[in-house]
Amino acid sequence: MLPVEIAATSWQVVTAWVAQIRNGDPESILLAWGLTIVANLVLPRYLRRLRVRFRLLCERYGLRNERSGKRSADPPTVTTEQLKRAETANTQVSAADLWWTVETVVLMPVLEEIVFRGVPVLLARQTTGFTDIAVLVAMAATVVWAYLHVYFDQTPFLLPNLLSGLLLLYLWLHGLGHVAIGLHMLTNLVYVFGLVVRRFVRIVHPNVLAAGEEHWVTVSPHRKPSRGLYRATTKDGRRVDVTDVTPGETCLVRVATAGLRTKAYPVREAEAEGTDGPTDR
């Protein structure tokens, strides 16, 4: 097949698929939703790499201004008290956690869908009719919704969330608002389930540091602290970022958070200089 024929065939498949979504076909809608979930999982990794490369390129050619340099050189400092609160949140289940789950899975999806898509679509239709202007108004509200997720640190990048929002908006524009609300609930349910699974894996896996564990670490004597966190390693070579320590010392730390960066705070120093401390538990 020629490239033109391949492109034409692909376009026909896509348009037919979109038409099935518009008509409320469950399989087509679930497939589109699954693709947005994959995008939310995959895109942040590549966008993060792209951002780092872009910053390095700007630094190489001197394109970063004084304001951006000052902002990156003076980030907020992580304190021991913050890590203790994080440890409590990561190791204890309270009524607040149960309420947060209900709020995340049920209340917030309904509220967000009505405020950022349902109401804008309804008002735009009533004031302008079902025209391109109405679509633009609804799209602007969805962009605001995606931006607020970034602003409140719920996601690091705008694009993955925006793709999910545009799918939900498309459903609203074709009278499938109830389906959009259901998919939003399902997305948040998958997110909460992922957090539970990740915590369980970190608790039972012998090679993964988990919140609440205590380990003897040696602080690197050469690396400068970042955000008040000093680079340290356990006796088996695992990396930990620790607050309120001195470069080169050996101390017992308690893990507060685990993830891309495992953070911990000191419990006590080694009793004698050069002591590696007792065996990690």
Protein backbone atom coordinates (compact mmCIF):
# COMPACT_ATOMS: atom_id res chain seq x y z
CA MET A 1 0.00 0.00 0.00
CA LEU A 2 1.11 3.53 -0.75
CA PRO A 3 1.62 5.97 2.15
CA VAL A 4 -1.39 7.95 0.94
CA GLU A 5 -3.58 4.85 1.03
CA ILE A 6 -2.30 3.92 4.49
CA ALA A 7 -3.06 7.42 5.75
CA ALA A 8 -6.54 7.35 4.20
CA THR A 9 -7.32 3.95 5.70
CA SER A 10 -6.04 5.02 9.12
CA TRP A 11 -8.15 8.16 8.96
CA GLN A 12 -11.26 6.13 8.14
CA VAL A 13 -10.59 3.83 11.10
CA VAL A 14 -10.12 6.78 13.45
CA THR A 15 -13.25 8.59 12.25
CA ALA A 16 -15.30 5.41 12.59
CA TRP A 17 -13.94 4.92 16.11
CA VAL A 18 -14.75 8.51 17.07
CA ALA A 19 -18.25 8.07 15.67
CA GLN A 20 -18.73 5.00 17.85
CA ILE A 21 -17.61 7.01 20.88
CA ARG A 22 -20.07 9.74 19.95
CA ASN A 23 -22.84 7.16 19.73
CA GLY A 24 -22.03 5.81 23.19
CA ASP A 25 -20.45 2.48 22.23
CA PRO A 26 -19.06 1.11 25.55
CA GLU A 27 -16.09 -0.73 24.04
CA SER A 28 -14.93 2.30 22.05
CA ILE A 29 -15.30 4.59 25.06
CA LEU A 30 -13.36 2.21 27.32
CA LEU A 31 -10.61 1.91 24.70
CA ALA A 32 -10.29 5.70 24.51
CA TRP A 33 -10.25 5.90 28.30
CA GLY A 34 -7.56 3.21 28.47
CA LEU A 35 -5.40 5.16 26.02
CA THR A 36 -5.65 8.27 28.19
CA ILE A 37 -4.60 6.22 31.23
CA VAL A 38 -1.57 4.94 29.33
CA ALA A 39 -0.76 8.50 28.28
CA ASN A 40 -0.93 9.64 31.91
CA LEU A 41 1.50 6.88 32.89
CA VAL A 42 3.97 7.19 30.00
CA LEU A 43 4.04 10.86 28.99
CA PRO A 44 5.28 12.30 32.33
CA ARG A 45 8.46 10.21 32.12
CA TYR A 46 9.37 11.53 28.67
CA LEU A 47 8.21 15.07 29.44
CA ARG A 48 10.44 15.08 32.51
CA ARG A 49 13.44 14.08 30.41
CA LEU A 50 12.55 16.71 27.81
CA ARG A 51 12.33 19.39 30.49
CA VAL A 52 15.76 18.49 31.87
CA ARG A 53 17.31 18.58 28.41
CA PHE A 54 15.62 21.91 27.67
CA ARG A 55 17.00 23.42 30.87
CA LEU A 56 20.50 22.17 30.09
CA LEU A 57 20.21 23.61 26.59
CA CYS A 58 19.10 26.97 27.97
CA GLU A 59 21.97 27.01 30.44
CA ARG A 60 24.46 26.14 27.70
CA TYR A 61 23.40 29.09 25.56
CA GLY A 62 22.75 31.46 28.47
CA LEU A 63 19.02 31.73 27.83
CA ARG A 64 17.96 31.44 31.48
CA ASN A 65 17.26 34.79 33.07
CA GLU A 66 18.14 35.87 36.59
CA ARG A 67 14.63 35.26 37.85
CA SER A 68 14.56 31.62 36.69
CA GLY A 69 18.05 31.03 38.06
CA LYS A 70 17.11 32.45 41.44
CA ARG A 71 13.97 30.34 41.55
CA SER A 72 15.84 27.12 40.80
CA ALA A 73 18.69 27.98 43.21
CA ASP A 74 16.43 28.68 46.16
CA PRO A 75 13.83 25.87 46.37
CA PRO A 76 11.83 25.22 49.54
CA THR A 77 13.75 23.31 52.21
CA VAL A 78 12.50 19.95 53.45
CA THR A 79 12.45 19.78 57.26
CA THR A 80 12.42 16.91 59.74
CA GLU A 81 8.99 17.93 61.00
CA GLN A 82 7.60 17.71 57.48
CA LEU A 83 9.04 14.23 57.08
CA LYS A 84 7.61 13.10 60.41
CA ARG A 85 4.16 14.20 59.29
CA ALA A 86 4.70 12.44 55.96
CA GLU A 87 5.72 9.26 57.79
CA THR A 88 2.53 9.35 59.84
CA ALA A 89 0.47 9.80 56.69
CA ASN A 90 2.29 6.91 54.97
CA THR A 91 2.12 4.41 57.85
CA GLN A 92 -1.24 5.01 59.52
CA VAL A 93 -4.78 4.71 58.20
CA SER A 94 -7.25 7.10 59.80
CA ALA A 95 -10.78 8.30 59.29
CA ALA A 96 -9.30 11.20 57.34
CA ASP A 97 -7.79 8.72 54.86
CA LEU A 98 -11.16 7.03 54.37
CA TRP A 99 -12.83 10.39 53.84
CA TRP A 100 -10.09 11.36 51.37
CA THR A 101 -10.80 8.16 49.42
CA VAL A 102 -14.53 8.91 49.23
CA GLU A 103 -13.80 12.50 48.29
CA THR A 104 -11.31 11.49 45.59
CA VAL A 105 -13.35 8.70 44.02
CA VAL A 106 -16.90 10.08 44.35
CA LEU A 107 -17.27 13.72 45.35
CA MET A 108 -14.48 15.45 43.42
CA PRO A 109 -15.21 13.77 40.05
CA VAL A 110 -18.86 14.82 40.23
CA LEU A 111 -17.99 18.35 41.32
CA GLU A 112 -15.20 18.82 38.77
CA GLU A 113 -17.26 17.46 35.89
CA ILE A 114 -20.23 19.69 36.68
CA VAL A 115 -18.17 22.86 37.30
CA PHE A 116 -15.55 22.59 34.55
CA ARG A 117 -17.48 20.80 31.81
CA GLY A 118 -21.19 20.43 32.50
CA VAL A 119 -21.91 24.05 33.41
CA PRO A 120 -19.67 25.59 30.69
CA VAL A 121 -21.25 23.38 28.02
CA LEU A 122 -24.78 24.21 29.23
CA LEU A 123 -24.16 27.96 29.47
CA ALA A 124 -22.39 28.08 26.12
CA ARG A 125 -25.28 26.29 24.44
CA GLN A 126 -27.87 28.57 26.00
CA THR A 127 -26.05 31.80 25.21
CA THR A 128 -24.47 31.07 21.81
CA GLY A 129 -26.14 27.90 20.58
CA PHE A 130 -24.27 24.74 19.69
CA THR A 131 -21.55 26.53 17.71
CA ASP A 132 -17.77 26.65 17.55
CA ILE A 133 -17.84 29.37 20.21
CA ALA A 134 -19.55 27.03 22.64
CA VAL A 135 -16.89 24.39 22.01
CA LEU A 136 -14.10 26.93 22.57
CA VAL A 137 -15.65 28.05 25.86
CA ALA A 138 -15.92 24.47 27.07
CA MET A 139 -12.35 23.73 25.96
CA ALA A 140 -11.08 26.79 27.84
CA ALA A 141 -12.76 25.53 31.02
CA THR A 142 -11.12 22.12 30.53
CA VAL A 143 -7.71 23.78 30.11
CA VAL A 144 -8.29 25.63 33.40
CA TRP A 145 -9.22 22.32 35.04
CA ALA A 146 -6.00 20.67 33.83
CA TYR A 147 -3.92 23.69 34.90
CA LEU A 148 -5.35 23.60 38.42
CA HIS A 149 -4.18 19.99 38.77
CA VAL A 150 -0.65 21.17 37.98
CA TYR A 151 -0.96 24.26 40.18
CA PHE A 152 -1.97 22.22 43.22
CA ASP A 153 0.81 19.63 42.59
CA GLN A 154 -1.56 16.80 41.74
CA THR A 155 0.36 16.20 38.51
CA PRO A 156 3.67 17.62 37.23
CA PHE A 157 2.59 18.23 33.62
CA LEU A 158 -0.41 19.75 31.87
CA LEU A 159 -0.58 17.62 28.71
CA PRO A 160 -1.51 14.16 30.12
CA ASN A 161 -4.33 15.58 32.23
CA LEU A 162 -5.51 17.74 29.34
CA LEU A 163 -5.89 14.68 27.10
CA SER A 164 -8.13 13.03 29.70
CA GLY A 165 -10.13 16.23 30.06
CA LEU A 166 -10.68 16.57 26.31
CA LEU A 167 -12.07 13.03 26.13
CA LEU A 168 -14.49 13.77 28.95
CA LEU A 169 -15.43 17.07 27.30
CA TYR A 170 -16.16 15.27 24.03
CA LEU A 171 -18.60 13.04 25.88
CA TRP A 172 -20.30 16.06 27.46
CA LEU A 173 -20.66 17.77 24.07
CA HIS A 174 -22.54 14.74 22.74
CA GLY A 175 -24.93 14.26 25.64
CA LEU A 176 -22.88 11.67 27.53
CA GLY A 177 -22.15 13.67 30.66
CA HIS A 178 -23.13 10.77 32.92
CA VAL A 179 -20.57 8.58 31.14
CA ALA A 180 -17.92 11.29 31.60
CA ILE A 181 -18.63 11.40 35.34
CA GLY A 182 -18.38 7.61 35.53
CA LEU A 183 -15.05 7.56 33.69
CA HIS A 184 -13.70 10.31 35.94
CA MET A 185 -14.66 8.24 38.99
CA LEU A 186 -13.06 5.17 37.44
CA THR A 187 -9.84 7.08 36.75
CA ASN A 188 -9.59 8.28 40.34
CA LEU A 189 -10.42 4.79 41.61
CA VAL A 190 -7.52 3.37 39.57
CA TYR A 191 -5.27 6.07 41.04
CA VAL A 192 -6.25 5.23 44.63
CA PHE A 193 -5.90 1.50 43.96
CA GLY A 194 -2.41 2.13 42.57
CA LEU A 195 -1.41 3.95 45.76
CA VAL A 196 -2.65 1.04 47.88
CA VAL A 197 -0.80 -1.53 45.77
CA ARG A 198 2.40 0.51 45.82
CA ARG A 199 2.30 0.81 49.61
CA PHE A 200 1.66 -2.92 50.00
CA VAL A 201 4.55 -3.82 47.67
CA ARG A 202 6.92 -1.56 49.58
CA ILE A 203 5.91 -3.15 52.87
CA VAL A 204 6.33 -6.77 51.82
CA HIS A 205 9.24 -6.45 49.37
CA PRO A 206 12.55 -7.10 51.17
CA ASN A 207 14.62 -4.92 48.81
CA VAL A 208 12.39 -1.84 48.83
CA LEU A 209 12.59 0.78 51.55
CA ALA A 210 9.22 1.48 53.15
CA ALA A 211 7.98 4.30 55.37
CA GLY A 212 8.56 3.58 59.06
CA GLU A 213 11.63 1.41 58.56
CA GLU A 214 14.90 2.29 60.29
CA HIS A 215 18.29 1.88 58.60
CA TRP A 216 21.88 2.80 59.36
CA VAL A 217 23.26 5.08 56.64
CA THR A 218 26.48 6.91 55.87
CA VAL A 219 26.11 10.49 54.65
CA SER A 220 28.16 11.41 51.60
CA PRO A 221 31.00 13.78 52.60
CA HIS A 222 31.30 15.36 49.16
CA ARG A 223 27.81 16.09 47.86
CA LYS A 224 26.11 19.39 48.63
CA PRO A 225 22.60 19.26 50.14
CA SER A 226 19.57 19.78 47.93
CA ARG A 227 16.52 21.38 49.55
CA GLY A 228 18.06 20.58 52.94
CA LEU A 229 18.44 16.89 52.05
CA TYR A 230 21.84 15.17 52.21
CA ARG A 231 22.68 12.16 50.04
CA ALA A 232 23.28 9.00 52.10
CA THR A 233 23.51 5.27 51.41
CA THR A 234 22.60 2.20 53.40
CA LYS A 235 25.11 -0.59 53.99
CA ASP A 236 23.74 -2.46 50.97
CA GLY A 237 24.09 0.59 48.72
CA ARG A 238 20.54 1.94 48.60
CA ARG A 239 20.18 5.69 48.30
CA VAL A 240 18.40 7.80 50.94
CA ASP A 241 18.01 11.59 51.23
CA VAL A 242 18.27 12.66 54.89
CA THR A 243 17.58 15.91 56.75
CA ASP A 244 19.54 17.46 59.64
CA VAL A 245 22.76 15.44 59.30
CA THR A 246 26.45 16.21 58.90
CA PRO A 247 28.40 15.13 55.80
CA GLY A 248 30.46 12.01 56.48
CA GLU A 249 28.61 10.87 59.60
CA THR A 250 26.95 7.51 60.18
CA CYS A 251 23.50 7.59 61.75
CA LEU A 252 20.28 5.69 62.18
CA VAL A 253 17.45 7.14 60.09
CA ARG A 254 13.75 6.45 59.77
CA VAL A 255 12.20 6.38 56.31
CA ALA A 256 9.37 8.87 55.88
CA THR A 257 8.56 8.69 52.18
CA ALA A 258 9.53 6.29 49.41
CA GLY A 259 9.29 6.83 45.69
CA LEU A 260 11.46 8.58 43.14
CA ARG A 261 13.40 9.96 46.13
CA THR A 262 13.41 8.09 49.44
CA LYS A 263 13.44 10.66 52.23
CA ALA A 264 14.32 10.00 55.88
CA TYR A 265 15.13 11.83 59.10
CA PRO A 266 17.80 10.94 61.69
CA VAL A 267 16.98 8.98 64.84
CA ARG A 268 20.45 8.89 66.39
CA GLU A 269 24.12 8.95 65.46
CA ALA A 270 26.53 6.02 65.68
CA GLU A 271 27.82 5.63 69.22
CA ALA A 272 31.46 5.66 68.19
CA GLU A 273 33.31 7.16 65.29
CA GLY A 274 33.70 4.66 62.48
CA THR A 275 30.90 2.43 63.74
CA ASP A 276 28.58 1.15 61.05
CA GLY A 277 25.79 0.63 63.54
CA PRO A 278 23.71 -2.46 64.12
CA THR A 279 22.20 -4.51 61.36
CA ASP A 280 19.35 -2.81 59.48
CA ARG A 281 15.96 -4.06 60.43
